[in-house]
PDB file of N, CA and C in Angstrom:
ATOM      1  N   UNK A   1     102.453  97.950  66.463  1.00  0.00           N
ATOM      2  CA  UNK A   1     102.508  99.386  66.382  1.00  0.00           C
ATOM      3  C   UNK A   1     102.508 100.029  67.772  1.00  0.00           C
ATOM      4  N   UNK A   2     101.800  99.411  68.718  1.00  0.00           N
ATOM      5  CA  UNK A   2     101.721 100.030  70.042  1.00  0.00           C
ATOM      6  C   UNK A   2     103.087 100.195  70.693  1.00  0.00           C
ATOM      7  N   UNK A   3     103.955  99.236  70.492  1.00  0.00           N
ATOM      8  CA  UNK A   3     105.271  99.303  71.131  1.00  0.00           C
ATOM      9  C   UNK A   3     106.266 100.133  70.331  1.00  0.00           C
ATOM     10  N   UNK A   4     105.932 100.513  69.114  1.00  0.00           N
ATOM     11  CA  UNK A   4     106.872 101.261  68.268  1.00  0.00           C
ATOM     12  C   UNK A   4     107.182 102.639  68.825  1.00  0.00           C
ATOM     13  N   UNK A   5     106.184 103.341  69.297  1.00  0.00           N
ATOM     14  CA  UNK A   5     106.387 104.701  69.807  1.00  0.00           C
ATOM     15  C   UNK A   5     107.307 104.707  71.030  1.00  0.00           C
ATOM     16  N   UNK A   6     106.995 103.955  72.095  1.00  0.00           N
ATOM     17  CA  UNK A   6     107.918 103.962  73.233  1.00  0.00           C
ATOM     18  C   UNK A   6     109.249 103.284  72.900  1.00  0.00           C
ATOM     19  N   UNK A   7     109.247 102.332  71.972  1.00  0.00           N
ATOM     20  CA  UNK A   7     110.488 101.676  71.578  1.00  0.00           C
ATOM     21  C   UNK A   7     111.444 102.641  70.909  1.00  0.00           C
ATOM     22  N   UNK A   8     110.944 103.410  69.959  1.00  0.00           N
ATOM     23  CA  UNK A   8     111.777 104.404  69.279  1.00  0.00           C
ATOM     24  C   UNK A   8     112.244 105.472  70.258  1.00  0.00           C
ATOM     25  N   UNK A   9     111.357 105.913  71.135  1.00  0.00           N
ATOM     26  CA  UNK A   9     111.714 106.901  72.158  1.00  0.00           C
ATOM     27  C   UNK A   9     112.884 106.387  72.998  1.00  0.00           C
ATOM     28  N   UNK A  10     112.796 105.138  73.413  1.00  0.00           N
ATOM     29  CA  UNK A  10     113.844 104.539  74.242  1.00  0.00           C
ATOM     30  C   UNK A  10     115.172 104.470  73.494  1.00  0.00           C
ATOM     31  N   UNK A  11     115.138 104.011  72.259  1.00  0.00           N
ATOM     32  CA  UNK A  11     116.369 103.911  71.470  1.00  0.00           C
ATOM     33  C   UNK A  11     116.996 105.284  71.282  1.00  0.00           C
ATOM     34  N   UNK A  12     116.183 106.292  70.974  1.00  0.00           N
ATOM     35  CA  UNK A  12     116.712 107.646  70.797  1.00  0.00           C
ATOM     36  C   UNK A  12     117.364 108.160  72.078  1.00  0.00           C
ATOM     37  N   UNK A  13     116.757 107.885  73.222  1.00  0.00           N
ATOM     38  CA  UNK A  13     117.326 108.335  74.496  1.00  0.00           C
ATOM     39  C   UNK A  13     118.631 107.606  74.799  1.00  0.00           C
ATOM     40  N   UNK A  14     118.693 106.302  74.503  1.00  0.00           N
ATOM     41  CA  UNK A  14     119.926 105.549  74.724  1.00  0.00           C
ATOM     42  C   UNK A  14     121.053 106.067  73.828  1.00  0.00           C
ATOM     43  N   UNK A  15     120.739 106.312  72.564  1.00  0.00           N
ATOM     44  CA  UNK A  15     121.739 106.855  71.648  1.00  0.00           C
ATOM     45  C   UNK A  15     122.227 108.216  72.135  1.00  0.00           C
ATOM     46  N   UNK A  16     121.317 108.983  72.731  1.00  0.00           N
ATOM     47  CA  UNK A  16     121.662 110.301  73.254  1.00  0.00           C
ATOM     48  C   UNK A  16     122.432 110.257  74.567  1.00  0.00           C
ATOM     49  N   UNK A  17     122.655 109.061  75.108  1.00  0.00           N
ATOM     50  CA  UNK A  17     123.460 108.923  76.313  1.00  0.00           C
ATOM     51  C   UNK A  17     122.690 108.792  77.614  1.00  0.00           C
ATOM     52  N   UNK A  18     121.385 108.729  77.540  1.00  0.00           N
ATOM     53  CA  UNK A  18     120.583 108.599  78.761  1.00  0.00           C
ATOM     54  C   UNK A  18     120.756 107.198  79.350  1.00  0.00           C
ATOM     55  N   UNK A  19     120.913 107.145  80.664  1.00  0.00           N
ATOM     56  CA  UNK A  19     120.925 105.866  81.355  1.00  0.00           C
ATOM     57  C   UNK A  19     120.306 106.062  82.737  1.00  0.00           C
ATOM     58  N   UNK A  20     120.173 104.982  83.466  1.00  0.00           N
ATOM     59  CA  UNK A  20     119.560 105.019  84.799  1.00  0.00           C
ATOM     60  C   UNK A  20     118.137 105.564  84.787  1.00  0.00           C
ATOM     61  N   UNK A  21     117.396 105.247  83.734  1.00  0.00           N
ATOM     62  CA  UNK A  21     116.004 105.685  83.646  1.00  0.00           C
ATOM     63  C   UNK A  21     115.181 104.596  82.965  1.00  0.00           C
ATOM     64  N   UNK A  22     113.899 104.610  83.257  1.00  0.00           N
ATOM     65  CA  UNK A  22     112.955 103.701  82.612  1.00  0.00           C
ATOM     66  C   UNK A  22     112.080 104.529  81.685  1.00  0.00           C
ATOM     67  N   UNK A  23     111.849 104.026  80.494  1.00  0.00           N
ATOM     68  CA  UNK A  23     110.983 104.715  79.541  1.00  0.00           C
ATOM     69  C   UNK A  23     109.580 104.145  79.641  1.00  0.00           C
ATOM     70  N   UNK A  24     108.612 104.999  79.468  1.00  0.00           N
ATOM     71  CA  UNK A  24     107.222 104.561  79.494  1.00  0.00           C
ATOM     72  C   UNK A  24     106.320 105.639  78.942  1.00  0.00           C
ATOM     73  N   UNK A  25     105.030 105.425  79.082  1.00  0.00           N
ATOM     74  CA  UNK A  25     104.055 106.407  78.617  1.00  0.00           C
ATOM     75  C   UNK A  25     103.177 106.851  79.768  1.00  0.00           C
ATOM     76  N   UNK A  26     102.967 108.140  79.847  1.00  0.00           N
ATOM     77  CA  UNK A  26     102.026 108.735  80.794  1.00  0.00           C
ATOM     78  C   UNK A  26     101.170 109.694  80.003  1.00  0.00           C
ATOM     79  N   UNK A  27      99.855 109.482  80.041  1.00  0.00           N
ATOM     80  CA  UNK A  27      98.909 110.324  79.296  1.00  0.00           C
ATOM     81  C   UNK A  27      99.286 110.427  77.822  1.00  0.00           C
ATOM     82  N   UNK A  28      99.606 109.292  77.215  1.00  0.00           N
ATOM     83  CA  UNK A  28      99.962 109.206  75.795  1.00  0.00           C
ATOM     84  C   UNK A  28     101.229 109.957  75.427  1.00  0.00           C
ATOM     85  N   UNK A  29     102.056 110.292  76.400  1.00  0.00           N
ATOM     86  CA  UNK A  29     103.335 110.951  76.147  1.00  0.00           C
ATOM     87  C   UNK A  29     104.460 110.030  76.617  1.00  0.00           C
ATOM     88  N   UNK A  30     105.491 109.879  75.786  1.00  0.00           N
ATOM     89  CA  UNK A  30     106.655 109.107  76.193  1.00  0.00           C
ATOM     90  C   UNK A  30     107.440 109.921  77.211  1.00  0.00           C
ATOM     91  N   UNK A  31     107.826 109.273  78.293  1.00  0.00           N
ATOM     92  CA  UNK A  31     108.542 109.953  79.370  1.00  0.00           C
ATOM     93  C   UNK A  31     109.640 109.047  79.907  1.00  0.00           C
ATOM     94  N   UNK A  32     110.607 109.672  80.568  1.00  0.00           N
ATOM     95  CA  UNK A  32     111.631 108.938  81.293  1.00  0.00           C
ATOM     96  C   UNK A  32     111.377 109.110  82.777  1.00  0.00           C
ATOM     97  N   UNK A  33     111.511 108.031  83.515  1.00  0.00           N
ATOM     98  CA  UNK A  33     111.384 108.057  84.970  1.00  0.00           C
ATOM     99  C   UNK A  33     112.705 107.578  85.553  1.00  0.00           C
ATOM    100  N   UNK A  34     113.262 108.314  86.500  1.00  0.00           N
ATOM    101  CA  UNK A  34     114.497 107.847  87.116  1.00  0.00           C
ATOM    102  C   UNK A  34     114.336 106.407  87.613  1.00  0.00           C
ATOM    103  N   UNK A  35     115.368 105.596  87.404  1.00  0.00           N
ATOM    104  CA  UNK A  35     115.290 104.173  87.758  1.00  0.00           C
ATOM    105  C   UNK A  35     114.922 103.960  89.220  1.00  0.00           C
ATOM    106  N   UNK A  36     115.463 104.767  90.105  1.00  0.00           N
ATOM    107  CA  UNK A  36     115.143 104.630  91.530  1.00  0.00           C
ATOM    108  C   UNK A  36     113.644 104.811  91.776  1.00  0.00           C
ATOM    109  N   UNK A  37     113.038 105.798  91.117  1.00  0.00           N
ATOM    110  CA  UNK A  37     111.594 106.009  91.268  1.00  0.00           C
ATOM    111  C   UNK A  37     110.804 104.842  90.692  1.00  0.00           C
ATOM    112  N   UNK A  38     111.241 104.345  89.534  1.00  0.00           N
ATOM    113  CA  UNK A  38     110.528 103.240  88.886  1.00  0.00           C
ATOM    114  C   UNK A  38     110.561 101.978  89.747  1.00  0.00           C
ATOM    115  N   UNK A  39     111.642 101.778  90.469  1.00  0.00           N
ATOM    116  CA  UNK A  39     111.792 100.556  91.257  1.00  0.00           C
ATOM    117  C   UNK A  39     111.166 100.689  92.645  1.00  0.00           C
ATOM    118  N   UNK A  40     111.360 101.821  93.300  1.00  0.00           N
ATOM    119  CA  UNK A  40     111.013 101.918  94.717  1.00  0.00           C
ATOM    120  C   UNK A  40     109.752 102.708  95.047  1.00  0.00           C
ATOM    121  N   UNK A  41     109.283 103.564  94.167  1.00  0.00           N
ATOM    122  CA  UNK A  41     108.073 104.335  94.485  1.00  0.00           C
ATOM    123  C   UNK A  41     106.839 103.463  94.327  1.00  0.00           C
ATOM    124  N   UNK A  42     105.886 103.644  95.223  1.00  0.00           N
ATOM    125  CA  UNK A  42     104.611 102.933  95.128  1.00  0.00           C
ATOM    126  C   UNK A  42     103.801 103.526  93.988  1.00  0.00           C
ATOM    127  N   UNK A  43     103.204 102.652  93.192  1.00  0.00           N
ATOM    128  CA  UNK A  43     102.416 103.083  92.054  1.00  0.00           C
ATOM    129  C   UNK A  43     101.027 102.455  92.135  1.00  0.00           C
ATOM    130  N   UNK A  44     100.039 103.157  91.659  1.00  0.00           N
ATOM    131  CA  UNK A  44      98.699 102.580  91.604  1.00  0.00           C
ATOM    132  C   UNK A  44      98.572 101.776  90.310  1.00  0.00           C
ATOM    133  N   UNK A  45      97.734 100.779  90.342  1.00  0.00           N
ATOM    134  CA  UNK A  45      97.515  99.924  89.180  1.00  0.00           C
ATOM    135  C   UNK A  45      96.160 100.264  88.582  1.00  0.00           C
ATOM    136  N   UNK A  46      96.152 100.479  87.294  1.00  0.00           N
ATOM    137  CA  UNK A  46      94.909 100.749  86.574  1.00  0.00           C
ATOM    138  C   UNK A  46      94.091  99.457  86.572  1.00  0.00           C
ATOM    139  N   UNK A  47      92.904  99.458  87.188  1.00  0.00           N
ATOM    140  CA  UNK A  47      92.101  98.225  87.268  1.00  0.00           C
ATOM    141  C   UNK A  47      91.783  97.626  85.895  1.00  0.00           C
ATOM    142  N   UNK A  48      91.558  98.478  84.900  1.00  0.00           N
ATOM    143  CA  UNK A  48      91.272  97.973  83.566  1.00  0.00           C
ATOM    144  C   UNK A  48      92.473  97.227  82.997  1.00  0.00           C
ATOM    145  N   UNK A  49      93.671  97.798  83.161  1.00  0.00           N
ATOM    146  CA  UNK A  49      94.870  97.148  82.639  1.00  0.00           C
ATOM    147  C   UNK A  49      95.172  95.853  83.389  1.00  0.00           C
ATOM    148  N   UNK A  50      94.841  95.804  84.675  1.00  0.00           N
ATOM    149  CA  UNK A  50      94.989  94.571  85.437  1.00  0.00           C
ATOM    150  C   UNK A  50      94.065  93.493  84.871  1.00  0.00           C
ATOM    151  N   UNK A  51      92.843  93.871  84.537  1.00  0.00           N
ATOM    152  CA  UNK A  51      91.895  92.928  83.942  1.00  0.00           C
ATOM    153  C   UNK A  51      92.420  92.434  82.597  1.00  0.00           C
ATOM    154  N   UNK A  52      92.972  93.339  81.786  1.00  0.00           N
ATOM    155  CA  UNK A  52      93.532  92.950  80.491  1.00  0.00           C
ATOM    156  C   UNK A  52      94.662  91.933  80.700  1.00  0.00           C
ATOM    157  N   UNK A  53      95.548  92.211  81.654  1.00  0.00           N
ATOM    158  CA  UNK A  53      96.664  91.295  81.919  1.00  0.00           C
ATOM    159  C   UNK A  53      96.162  89.919  82.368  1.00  0.00           C
ATOM    160  N   UNK A  54      95.128  89.913  83.202  1.00  0.00           N
ATOM    161  CA  UNK A  54      94.576  88.634  83.681  1.00  0.00           C
ATOM    162  C   UNK A  54      93.978  87.845  82.528  1.00  0.00           C
ATOM    163  N   UNK A  55      93.273  88.513  81.621  1.00  0.00           N
ATOM    164  CA  UNK A  55      92.667  87.831  80.480  1.00  0.00           C
ATOM    165  C   UNK A  55      93.738  87.296  79.545  1.00  0.00           C
ATOM    166  N   UNK A  56      94.759  88.096  79.280  1.00  0.00           N
ATOM    167  CA  UNK A  56      95.819  87.667  78.364  1.00  0.00           C
ATOM    168  C   UNK A  56      96.671  86.545  78.947  1.00  0.00           C
ATOM    169  N   UNK A  57      96.666  86.400  80.265  1.00  0.00           N
ATOM    170  CA  UNK A  57      97.478  85.376  80.907  1.00  0.00           C
ATOM    171  C   UNK A  57      96.821  83.998  80.882  1.00  0.00           C
ATOM    172  N   UNK A  58      95.582  83.940  80.437  1.00  0.00           N
ATOM    173  CA  UNK A  58      94.858  82.658  80.406  1.00  0.00           C
ATOM    174  C   UNK A  58      95.445  81.754  79.348  1.00  0.00           C
TER     175      UNK A  58
END
């Protein structure tokens, strides 16, 4: 279920002709980020989510 919301958002944007953007969630809202920003801008990492990723990678 967690991936359904951003997944549907992404499909709807693709059908609508959007390209060169990355879909994601910010503050529980689905958003598009220009691909250049998603690739090249420095982003902070949520320490809690990093811990979750480390645990799931075991």
